[in-house]
Structures are given as C-alpha cells and as structure tokens.
Amino acid sequence: MSDIPPESSLIEYPCAFPIKVMGARVEGFVEAIVHVARRFDPGFDPASVEQRPSRGGNYLGLTITVTATSRAQLDELYRTLSTHPMVKVVL
C-alpha cells in the first residue's frame, strides 16, 4: 500500500467522515457496528447512527459518522468492517 502524503490527500484530518454499512437485519447488528466504530473513534456517539431498513425489511443500512484522524485509520476501519461476519457491504 502506498502512503499518500498529507498535502496530496483530498481529506483534511481530523474530520467527520460518514461510512455506510449494510447487513442483514438481525439482532445485534447495530451494536456490533457501534463496537467497531468505537474501536477506531473512542468518542463515537451511538445515538448518531442513522438506520434505513431495506424495502423488503431483510437488510439494514447504517450510516456511521466517525472522526477520521488519518488515512491509515480509515483504511483499517474499512478493512475491519468489510471482514466483519455480519456486514455485507461497506461504502
């Protein structure tokens, strides 16, 4: 992975960074994602999670907004979410 110099980044850190996460609408999904978010952003507020059920009600879309402090932090957060067994898609 190549490191992008801070002056070349399109993101100014720290910043509020929204991430969309989709998974099956099952008990514990929201709590699991909040747990991951808090690992990367200790000040993450669970009340800020936006939830949108799918049309058929089988899936749940979440938007979490974390305080991004670096490209490495975001990369690792995306990797952790993408490999979580309850997560289908991360955008």
PDB file of N, CA and C in Angstrom:
ATOM      1  N   MET A   1       0.854  -1.168   0.000  1.00  0.00           N
ATOM      2  CA  MET A   1       0.000   0.000   0.000  1.00  0.00           C
ATOM      3  C   MET A   1       0.897   1.227   0.000  1.00  0.00           C
ATOM      4  N   SER A   2       0.630   2.170  -0.882  1.00  0.00           N
ATOM      5  CA  SER A   2       1.443   3.377  -0.932  1.00  0.00           C
ATOM      6  C   SER A   2       0.870   4.422   0.014  1.00  0.00           C
ATOM      7  N   ASP A   3       1.782   5.108   0.687  1.00  0.00           N
ATOM      8  CA  ASP A   3       1.354   6.166   1.593  1.00  0.00           C
ATOM      9  C   ASP A   3       1.137   7.441   0.800  1.00  0.00           C
ATOM     10  N   ILE A   4       0.024   8.083   1.054  1.00  0.00           N
ATOM     11  CA  ILE A   4      -0.286   9.342   0.392  1.00  0.00           C
ATOM     12  C   ILE A   4       0.144  10.468   1.319  1.00  0.00           C
ATOM     13  N   PRO A   5       1.012  11.361   0.838  1.00  0.00           N
ATOM     14  CA  PRO A   5       1.424  12.464   1.703  1.00  0.00           C
ATOM     15  C   PRO A   5       0.209  13.315   2.087  1.00  0.00           C
ATOM     16  N   PRO A   6       0.179  13.827   3.327  1.00  0.00           N
ATOM     17  CA  PRO A   6      -0.981  14.606   3.780  1.00  0.00           C
ATOM     18  C   PRO A   6      -1.352  15.748   2.840  1.00  0.00           C
ATOM     19  N   GLU A   7      -0.363  16.381   2.225  1.00  0.00           N
ATOM     20  CA  GLU A   7      -0.667  17.511   1.342  1.00  0.00           C
ATOM     21  C   GLU A   7      -1.330  17.070   0.037  1.00  0.00           C
ATOM     22  N   SER A   8      -1.262  15.760  -0.289  1.00  0.00           N
ATOM     23  CA  SER A   8      -1.891  15.235  -1.506  1.00  0.00           C
ATOM     24  C   SER A   8      -3.273  14.646  -1.239  1.00  0.00           C
ATOM     25  N   SER A   9      -3.644  14.532   0.013  1.00  0.00           N
ATOM     26  CA  SER A   9      -4.924  13.935   0.378  1.00  0.00           C
ATOM     27  C   SER A   9      -6.067  14.893   0.082  1.00  0.00           C
ATOM     28  N   LEU A  10      -7.191  14.339  -0.350  1.00  0.00           N
ATOM     29  CA  LEU A  10      -8.386  15.148  -0.584  1.00  0.00           C
ATOM     30  C   LEU A  10      -9.154  15.379   0.708  1.00  0.00           C
ATOM     31  N   ILE A  11      -8.750  14.697   1.761  1.00  0.00           N
ATOM     32  CA  ILE A  11      -9.418  14.795   3.057  1.00  0.00           C
ATOM     33  C   ILE A  11      -8.507  15.542   4.017  1.00  0.00           C
ATOM     34  N   GLU A  12      -9.067  16.508   4.717  1.00  0.00           N
ATOM     35  CA  GLU A  12      -8.310  17.199   5.760  1.00  0.00           C
ATOM     36  C   GLU A  12      -8.656  16.559   7.096  1.00  0.00           C
ATOM     37  N   TYR A  13      -7.624  16.103   7.802  1.00  0.00           N
ATOM     38  CA  TYR A  13      -7.826  15.433   9.085  1.00  0.00           C
ATOM     39  C   TYR A  13      -7.556  16.401  10.220  1.00  0.00           C
ATOM     40  N   PRO A  14      -8.234  16.248  11.352  1.00  0.00           N
ATOM     41  CA  PRO A  14      -9.374  15.363  11.595  1.00  0.00           C
ATOM     42  C   PRO A  14     -10.645  15.909  10.947  1.00  0.00           C
ATOM     43  N   CYS A  15     -11.585  15.017  10.669  1.00  0.00           N
ATOM     44  CA  CYS A  15     -12.862  15.420  10.084  1.00  0.00           C
ATOM     45  C   CYS A  15     -13.936  14.388  10.396  1.00  0.00           C
ATOM     46  N   ALA A  16     -15.182  14.817  10.283  1.00  0.00           N
ATOM     47  CA  ALA A  16     -16.318  13.898  10.416  1.00  0.00           C
ATOM     48  C   ALA A  16     -16.442  13.147   9.097  1.00  0.00           C
ATOM     49  N   PHE A  17     -16.410  11.824   9.143  1.00  0.00           N
ATOM     50  CA  PHE A  17     -16.393  11.018   7.925  1.00  0.00           C
ATOM     51  C   PHE A  17     -17.514   9.980   7.967  1.00  0.00           C
ATOM     52  N   PRO A  18     -18.531  10.126   7.107  1.00  0.00           N
ATOM     53  CA  PRO A  18     -19.643   9.158   7.100  1.00  0.00           C
ATOM     54  C   PRO A  18     -19.279   7.885   6.341  1.00  0.00           C
ATOM     55  N   ILE A  19     -19.714   6.758   6.881  1.00  0.00           N
ATOM     56  CA  ILE A  19     -19.497   5.455   6.245  1.00  0.00           C
ATOM     57  C   ILE A  19     -20.826   4.711   6.249  1.00  0.00           C
ATOM     58  N   LYS A  20     -21.189   4.156   5.105  1.00  0.00           N
ATOM     59  CA  LYS A  20     -22.422   3.373   5.006  1.00  0.00           C
ATOM     60  C   LYS A  20     -22.077   1.898   5.142  1.00  0.00           C
ATOM     61  N   VAL A  21     -22.855   1.216   5.977  1.00  0.00           N
ATOM     62  CA  VAL A  21     -22.635  -0.206   6.246  1.00  0.00           C
ATOM     63  C   VAL A  21     -23.967  -0.926   6.078  1.00  0.00           C
ATOM     64  N   MET A  22     -23.975  -2.001   5.297  1.00  0.00           N
ATOM     65  CA  MET A  22     -25.200  -2.778   5.110  1.00  0.00           C
ATOM     66  C   MET A  22     -24.992  -4.197   5.603  1.00  0.00           C
ATOM     67  N   GLY A  23     -26.056  -4.712   6.227  1.00  0.00           N
ATOM     68  CA  GLY A  23     -26.010  -6.084   6.710  1.00  0.00           C
ATOM     69  C   GLY A  23     -27.416  -6.615   6.889  1.00  0.00           C
ATOM     70  N   ALA A  24     -27.508  -7.885   7.228  1.00  0.00           N
ATOM     71  CA  ALA A  24     -28.818  -8.485   7.477  1.00  0.00           C
ATOM     72  C   ALA A  24     -29.444  -7.803   8.685  1.00  0.00           C
ATOM     73  N   ARG A  25     -30.751  -7.658   8.631  1.00  0.00           N
ATOM     74  CA  ARG A  25     -31.473  -7.019   9.727  1.00  0.00           C
ATOM     75  C   ARG A  25     -31.685  -8.060  10.830  1.00  0.00           C
ATOM     76  N   VAL A  26     -30.647  -8.199  11.670  1.00  0.00           N
ATOM     77  CA  VAL A  26     -30.677  -9.186  12.749  1.00  0.00           C
ATOM     78  C   VAL A  26     -30.326  -8.511  14.071  1.00  0.00           C
ATOM     79  N   GLU A  27     -30.736  -9.157  15.147  1.00  0.00           N
ATOM     80  CA  GLU A  27     -30.440  -8.638  16.474  1.00  0.00           C
ATOM     81  C   GLU A  27     -28.923  -8.572  16.670  1.00  0.00           C
ATOM     82  N   GLY A  28     -28.457  -7.453  17.188  1.00  0.00           N
ATOM     83  CA  GLY A  28     -27.042  -7.295  17.482  1.00  0.00           C
ATOM     84  C   GLY A  28     -26.231  -6.628  16.383  1.00  0.00           C
ATOM     85  N   PHE A  29     -26.818  -6.428  15.196  1.00  0.00           N
ATOM     86  CA  PHE A  29     -26.066  -5.830  14.084  1.00  0.00           C
ATOM     87  C   PHE A  29     -25.637  -4.404  14.411  1.00  0.00           C
ATOM     88  N   VAL A  30     -26.571  -3.577  14.859  1.00  0.00           N
ATOM     89  CA  VAL A  30     -26.243  -2.179  15.162  1.00  0.00           C
ATOM     90  C   VAL A  30     -25.185  -2.125  16.264  1.00  0.00           C
ATOM     91  N   GLU A  31     -25.364  -2.914  17.306  1.00  0.00           N
ATOM     92  CA  GLU A  31     -24.419  -2.918  18.422  1.00  0.00           C
ATOM     93  C   GLU A  31     -23.027  -3.349  17.967  1.00  0.00           C
ATOM     94  N   ALA A  32     -22.953  -4.332  17.063  1.00  0.00           N
ATOM     95  CA  ALA A  32     -21.662  -4.807  16.564  1.00  0.00           C
ATOM     96  C   ALA A  32     -20.938  -3.705  15.795  1.00  0.00           C
ATOM     97  N   ILE A  33     -21.676  -2.954  14.981  1.00  0.00           N
ATOM     98  CA  ILE A  33     -21.067  -1.885  14.191  1.00  0.00           C
ATOM     99  C   ILE A  33     -20.638  -0.741  15.105  1.00  0.00           C
ATOM    100  N   VAL A  34     -21.449  -0.426  16.107  1.00  0.00           N
ATOM    101  CA  VAL A  34     -21.082   0.610  17.086  1.00  0.00           C
ATOM    102  C   VAL A  34     -19.788   0.203  17.802  1.00  0.00           C
ATOM    103  N   HIS A  35     -19.669  -1.064  18.150  1.00  0.00           N
ATOM    104  CA  HIS A  35     -18.463  -1.565  18.821  1.00  0.00           C
ATOM    105  C   HIS A  35     -17.225  -1.334  17.942  1.00  0.00           C
ATOM    106  N   VAL A  36     -17.330  -1.651  16.660  1.00  0.00           N
ATOM    107  CA  VAL A  36     -16.213  -1.444  15.735  1.00  0.00           C
ATOM    108  C   VAL A  36     -15.905   0.048  15.624  1.00  0.00           C
ATOM    109  N   ALA A  37     -16.934   0.869  15.471  1.00  0.00           N
ATOM    110  CA  ALA A  37     -16.728   2.317  15.335  1.00  0.00           C
ATOM    111  C   ALA A  37     -15.992   2.877  16.547  1.00  0.00           C
ATOM    112  N   ARG A  38     -16.358   2.415  17.734  1.00  0.00           N
ATOM    113  CA  ARG A  38     -15.723   2.908  18.968  1.00  0.00           C
ATOM    114  C   ARG A  38     -14.257   2.477  19.083  1.00  0.00           C
ATOM    115  N   ARG A  39     -13.910   1.347  18.473  1.00  0.00           N
ATOM    116  CA  ARG A  39     -12.507   0.920  18.474  1.00  0.00           C
ATOM    117  C   ARG A  39     -11.630   1.918  17.733  1.00  0.00           C
ATOM    118  N   PHE A  40     -12.191   2.540  16.704  1.00  0.00           N
ATOM    119  CA  PHE A  40     -11.426   3.468  15.877  1.00  0.00           C
ATOM    120  C   PHE A  40     -11.668   4.931  16.236  1.00  0.00           C
ATOM    121  N   ASP A  41     -12.773   5.196  16.915  1.00  0.00           N
ATOM    122  CA  ASP A  41     -13.126   6.554  17.339  1.00  0.00           C
ATOM    123  C   ASP A  41     -13.743   6.456  18.733  1.00  0.00           C
ATOM    124  N   PRO A  42     -12.912   6.553  19.776  1.00  0.00           N
ATOM    125  CA  PRO A  42     -13.415   6.378  21.143  1.00  0.00           C
ATOM    126  C   PRO A  42     -14.547   7.340  21.516  1.00  0.00           C
ATOM    127  N   GLY A  43     -14.643   8.472  20.845  1.00  0.00           N
ATOM    128  CA  GLY A  43     -15.699   9.434  21.137  1.00  0.00           C
ATOM    129  C   GLY A  43     -16.956   9.227  20.306  1.00  0.00           C
ATOM    130  N   PHE A  44     -17.014   8.113  19.560  1.00  0.00           N
ATOM    131  CA  PHE A  44     -18.171   7.862  18.688  1.00  0.00           C
ATOM    132  C   PHE A  44     -19.463   7.812  19.501  1.00  0.00           C
ATOM    133  N   ASP A  45     -20.495   8.512  19.015  1.00  0.00           N
ATOM    134  CA  ASP A  45     -21.788   8.580  19.699  1.00  0.00           C
ATOM    135  C   ASP A  45     -22.776   7.620  19.034  1.00  0.00           C
ATOM    136  N   PRO A  46     -23.165   6.547  19.721  1.00  0.00           N
ATOM    137  CA  PRO A  46     -24.106   5.585  19.136  1.00  0.00           C
ATOM    138  C   PRO A  46     -25.438   6.216  18.727  1.00  0.00           C
ATOM    139  N   ALA A  47     -25.816   7.312  19.369  1.00  0.00           N
ATOM    140  CA  ALA A  47     -27.079   7.978  19.019  1.00  0.00           C
ATOM    141  C   ALA A  47     -27.017   8.612  17.633  1.00  0.00           C
ATOM    142  N   SER A  48     -25.812   8.748  17.082  1.00  0.00           N
ATOM    143  CA  SER A  48     -25.672   9.378  15.761  1.00  0.00           C
ATOM    144  C   SER A  48     -25.864   8.391  14.609  1.00  0.00           C
ATOM    145  N   VAL A  49     -26.018   7.104  14.907  1.00  0.00           N
ATOM    146  CA  VAL A  49     -26.183   6.091  13.860  1.00  0.00           C
ATOM    147  C   VAL A  49     -27.523   6.295  13.158  1.00  0.00           C
ATOM    148  N   GLU A  50     -27.472   6.420  11.838  1.00  0.00           N
ATOM    149  CA  GLU A  50     -28.700   6.526  11.037  1.00  0.00           C
ATOM    150  C   GLU A  50     -29.025   5.121  10.517  1.00  0.00           C
ATOM    151  N   GLN A  51     -30.307   4.739  10.623  1.00  0.00           N
ATOM    152  CA  GLN A  51     -30.728   3.402  10.199  1.00  0.00           C
ATOM    153  C   GLN A  51     -31.778   3.493   9.101  1.00  0.00           C
ATOM    154  N   ARG A  52     -31.626   2.653   8.067  1.00  0.00           N
ATOM    155  CA  ARG A  52     -32.610   2.568   6.994  1.00  0.00           C
ATOM    156  C   ARG A  52     -32.826   1.110   6.630  1.00  0.00           C
ATOM    157  N   PRO A  53     -34.017   0.576   6.928  1.00  0.00           N
ATOM    158  CA  PRO A  53     -34.294  -0.807   6.531  1.00  0.00           C
ATOM    159  C   PRO A  53     -34.489  -0.890   5.012  1.00  0.00           C
ATOM    160  N   SER A  54     -34.167  -2.046   4.449  1.00  0.00           N
ATOM    161  CA  SER A  54     -34.400  -2.255   3.015  1.00  0.00           C
ATOM    162  C   SER A  54     -35.905  -2.343   2.756  1.00  0.00           C
ATOM    163  N   ARG A  55     -36.258  -2.226   1.500  1.00  0.00           N
ATOM    164  CA  ARG A  55     -37.675  -2.270   1.125  1.00  0.00           C
ATOM    165  C   ARG A  55     -38.351  -3.542   1.604  1.00  0.00           C
ATOM    166  N   GLY A  56     -37.652  -4.673   1.475  1.00  0.00           N
ATOM    167  CA  GLY A  56     -38.220  -5.950   1.903  1.00  0.00           C
ATOM    168  C   GLY A  56     -38.066  -6.211   3.396  1.00  0.00           C
ATOM    169  N   GLY A  57     -37.287  -5.354   4.073  1.00  0.00           N
ATOM    170  CA  GLY A  57     -37.107  -5.486   5.507  1.00  0.00           C
ATOM    171  C   GLY A  57     -36.088  -6.523   5.938  1.00  0.00           C
ATOM    172  N   ASN A  58     -35.387  -7.145   4.978  1.00  0.00           N
ATOM    173  CA  ASN A  58     -34.414  -8.181   5.332  1.00  0.00           C
ATOM    174  C   ASN A  58     -33.036  -7.630   5.673  1.00  0.00           C
ATOM    175  N   TYR A  59     -32.742  -6.416   5.197  1.00  0.00           N
ATOM    176  CA  TYR A  59     -31.432  -5.803   5.398  1.00  0.00           C
ATOM    177  C   TYR A  59     -31.587  -4.465   6.089  1.00  0.00           C
ATOM    178  N   LEU A  60     -30.478  -4.024   6.691  1.00  0.00           N
ATOM    179  CA  LEU A  60     -30.477  -2.746   7.373  1.00  0.00           C
ATOM    180  C   LEU A  60     -29.258  -1.966   6.917  1.00  0.00           C
ATOM    181  N   GLY A  61     -29.481  -0.744   6.463  1.00  0.00           N
ATOM    182  CA  GLY A  61     -28.396   0.148   6.078  1.00  0.00           C
ATOM    183  C   GLY A  61     -28.117   1.098   7.229  1.00  0.00           C
ATOM    184  N   LEU A  62     -26.864   1.211   7.606  1.00  0.00           N
ATOM    185  CA  LEU A  62     -26.470   2.122   8.673  1.00  0.00           C
ATOM    186  C   LEU A  62     -25.517   3.168   8.108  1.00  0.00           C
ATOM    187  N   THR A  63     -25.622   4.375   8.605  1.00  0.00           N
ATOM    188  CA  THR A  63     -24.606   5.385   8.337  1.00  0.00           C
ATOM    189  C   THR A  63     -23.986   5.737   9.671  1.00  0.00           C
ATOM    190  N   ILE A  64     -22.678   5.496   9.771  1.00  0.00           N
ATOM    191  CA  ILE A  64     -21.943   5.881  10.973  1.00  0.00           C
ATOM    192  C   ILE A  64     -21.017   7.024  10.570  1.00  0.00           C
ATOM    193  N   THR A  65     -20.907   8.017  11.408  1.00  0.00           N
ATOM    194  CA  THR A  65     -20.015   9.137  11.133  1.00  0.00           C
ATOM    195  C   THR A  65     -18.948   9.146  12.215  1.00  0.00           C
ATOM    196  N   VAL A  66     -17.729   8.817  11.799  1.00  0.00           N
ATOM    197  CA  VAL A  66     -16.607   8.736  12.736  1.00  0.00           C
ATOM    198  C   VAL A  66     -15.724   9.973  12.576  1.00  0.00           C
ATOM    199  N   THR A  67     -14.947  10.255  13.601  1.00  0.00           N
ATOM    200  CA  THR A  67     -13.933  11.303  13.497  1.00  0.00           C
ATOM    201  C   THR A  67     -12.690  10.665  12.912  1.00  0.00           C
ATOM    202  N   ALA A  68     -12.426  10.999  11.652  1.00  0.00           N
ATOM    203  CA  ALA A  68     -11.275  10.432  10.949  1.00  0.00           C
ATOM    204  C   ALA A  68     -10.037  11.251  11.299  1.00  0.00           C
ATOM    205  N   THR A  69      -8.975  10.551  11.702  1.00  0.00           N
ATOM    206  CA  THR A  69      -7.741  11.236  12.076  1.00  0.00           C
ATOM    207  C   THR A  69      -6.593  10.973  11.102  1.00  0.00           C
ATOM    208  N   SER A  70      -6.733   9.961  10.243  1.00  0.00           N
ATOM    209  CA  SER A  70      -5.682   9.654   9.274  1.00  0.00           C
ATOM    210  C   SER A  70      -6.208   8.698   8.210  1.00  0.00           C
ATOM    211  N   ARG A  71      -5.488   8.635   7.118  1.00  0.00           N
ATOM    212  CA  ARG A  71      -5.810   7.691   6.056  1.00  0.00           C
ATOM    213  C   ARG A  71      -5.656   6.255   6.565  1.00  0.00           C
ATOM    214  N   ALA A  72      -4.615   6.021   7.359  1.00  0.00           N
ATOM    215  CA  ALA A  72      -4.379   4.679   7.892  1.00  0.00           C
ATOM    216  C   ALA A  72      -5.543   4.234   8.783  1.00  0.00           C
ATOM    217  N   GLN A  73      -6.067   5.144   9.586  1.00  0.00           N
ATOM    218  CA  GLN A  73      -7.203   4.817  10.452  1.00  0.00           C
ATOM    219  C   GLN A  73      -8.414   4.425   9.605  1.00  0.00           C
ATOM    220  N   LEU A  74      -8.707   5.221   8.569  1.00  0.00           N
ATOM    221  CA  LEU A  74      -9.855   4.915   7.709  1.00  0.00           C
ATOM    222  C   LEU A  74      -9.658   3.596   6.968  1.00  0.00           C
ATOM    223  N   ASP A  75      -8.459   3.360   6.463  1.00  0.00           N
ATOM    224  CA  ASP A  75      -8.185   2.103   5.753  1.00  0.00           C
ATOM    225  C   ASP A  75      -8.429   0.903   6.666  1.00  0.00           C
ATOM    226  N   GLU A  76      -7.949   0.992   7.886  1.00  0.00           N
ATOM    227  CA  GLU A  76      -8.100  -0.124   8.826  1.00  0.00           C
ATOM    228  C   GLU A  76      -9.561  -0.282   9.248  1.00  0.00           C
ATOM    229  N   LEU A  77     -10.274   0.827   9.407  1.00  0.00           N
ATOM    230  CA  LEU A  77     -11.705   0.764   9.755  1.00  0.00           C
ATOM    231  C   LEU A  77     -12.489   0.098   8.625  1.00  0.00           C
ATOM    232  N   TYR A  78     -12.230   0.486   7.371  1.00  0.00           N
ATOM    233  CA  TYR A  78     -12.905  -0.149   6.227  1.00  0.00           C
ATOM    234  C   TYR A  78     -12.573  -1.643   6.175  1.00  0.00           C
ATOM    235  N   ARG A  79     -11.311  -1.992   6.407  1.00  0.00           N
ATOM    236  CA  ARG A  79     -10.897  -3.394   6.380  1.00  0.00           C
ATOM    237  C   ARG A  79     -11.627  -4.184   7.470  1.00  0.00           C
ATOM    238  N   THR A  80     -11.698  -3.613   8.663  1.00  0.00           N
ATOM    239  CA  THR A  80     -12.357  -4.289   9.784  1.00  0.00           C
ATOM    240  C   THR A  80     -13.844  -4.470   9.519  1.00  0.00           C
ATOM    241  N   LEU A  81     -14.496  -3.430   9.019  1.00  0.00           N
ATOM    242  CA  LEU A  81     -15.928  -3.534   8.719  1.00  0.00           C
ATOM    243  C   LEU A  81     -16.184  -4.528   7.586  1.00  0.00           C
ATOM    244  N   SER A  82     -15.369  -4.464   6.540  1.00  0.00           N
ATOM    245  CA  SER A  82     -15.565  -5.321   5.364  1.00  0.00           C
ATOM    246  C   SER A  82     -15.414  -6.798   5.682  1.00  0.00           C
ATOM    247  N   THR A  83     -14.605  -7.118   6.680  1.00  0.00           N
ATOM    248  CA  THR A  83     -14.377  -8.518   7.017  1.00  0.00           C
ATOM    249  C   THR A  83     -15.257  -8.990   8.176  1.00  0.00           C
ATOM    250  N   HIS A  84     -16.084  -8.104   8.712  1.00  0.00           N
ATOM    251  CA  HIS A  84     -16.974  -8.477   9.821  1.00  0.00           C
ATOM    252  C   HIS A  84     -18.026  -9.458   9.294  1.00  0.00           C
ATOM    253  N   PRO A  85     -18.296 -10.546  10.007  1.00  0.00           N
ATOM    254  CA  PRO A  85     -19.236 -11.559   9.505  1.00  0.00           C
ATOM    255  C   PRO A  85     -20.677 -11.063   9.340  1.00  0.00           C
ATOM    256  N   MET A  86     -21.065  -9.999  10.011  1.00  0.00           N
ATOM    257  CA  MET A  86     -22.435  -9.504   9.894  1.00  0.00           C
ATOM    258  C   MET A  86     -22.604  -8.483   8.773  1.00  0.00           C
ATOM    259  N   VAL A  87     -21.488  -8.033   8.180  1.00  0.00           N
ATOM    260  CA  VAL A  87     -21.523  -6.954   7.187  1.00  0.00           C
ATOM    261  C   VAL A  87     -21.522  -7.533   5.774  1.00  0.00           C
ATOM    262  N   LYS A  88     -22.433  -7.003   4.945  1.00  0.00           N
ATOM    263  CA  LYS A  88     -22.499  -7.398   3.539  1.00  0.00           C
ATOM    264  C   LYS A  88     -21.732  -6.421   2.650  1.00  0.00           C
ATOM    265  N   VAL A  89     -21.902  -5.098   2.893  1.00  0.00           N
ATOM    266  CA  VAL A  89     -21.318  -4.059   2.041  1.00  0.00           C
ATOM    267  C   VAL A  89     -20.883  -2.879   2.905  1.00  0.00           C
ATOM    268  N   VAL A  90     -19.735  -2.271   2.534  1.00  0.00           N
ATOM    269  CA  VAL A  90     -19.282  -1.042   3.176  1.00  0.00           C
ATOM    270  C   VAL A  90     -19.013  -0.027   2.076  1.00  0.00           C
ATOM    271  N   LEU A  91     -19.599   1.149   2.199  1.00  0.00           N
ATOM    272  CA  LEU A  91     -19.395   2.233   1.224  1.00  0.00           C
ATOM    273  C   LEU A  91     -18.901   3.479   1.921  1.00  0.00           C
TER     274      LEU A  91
END
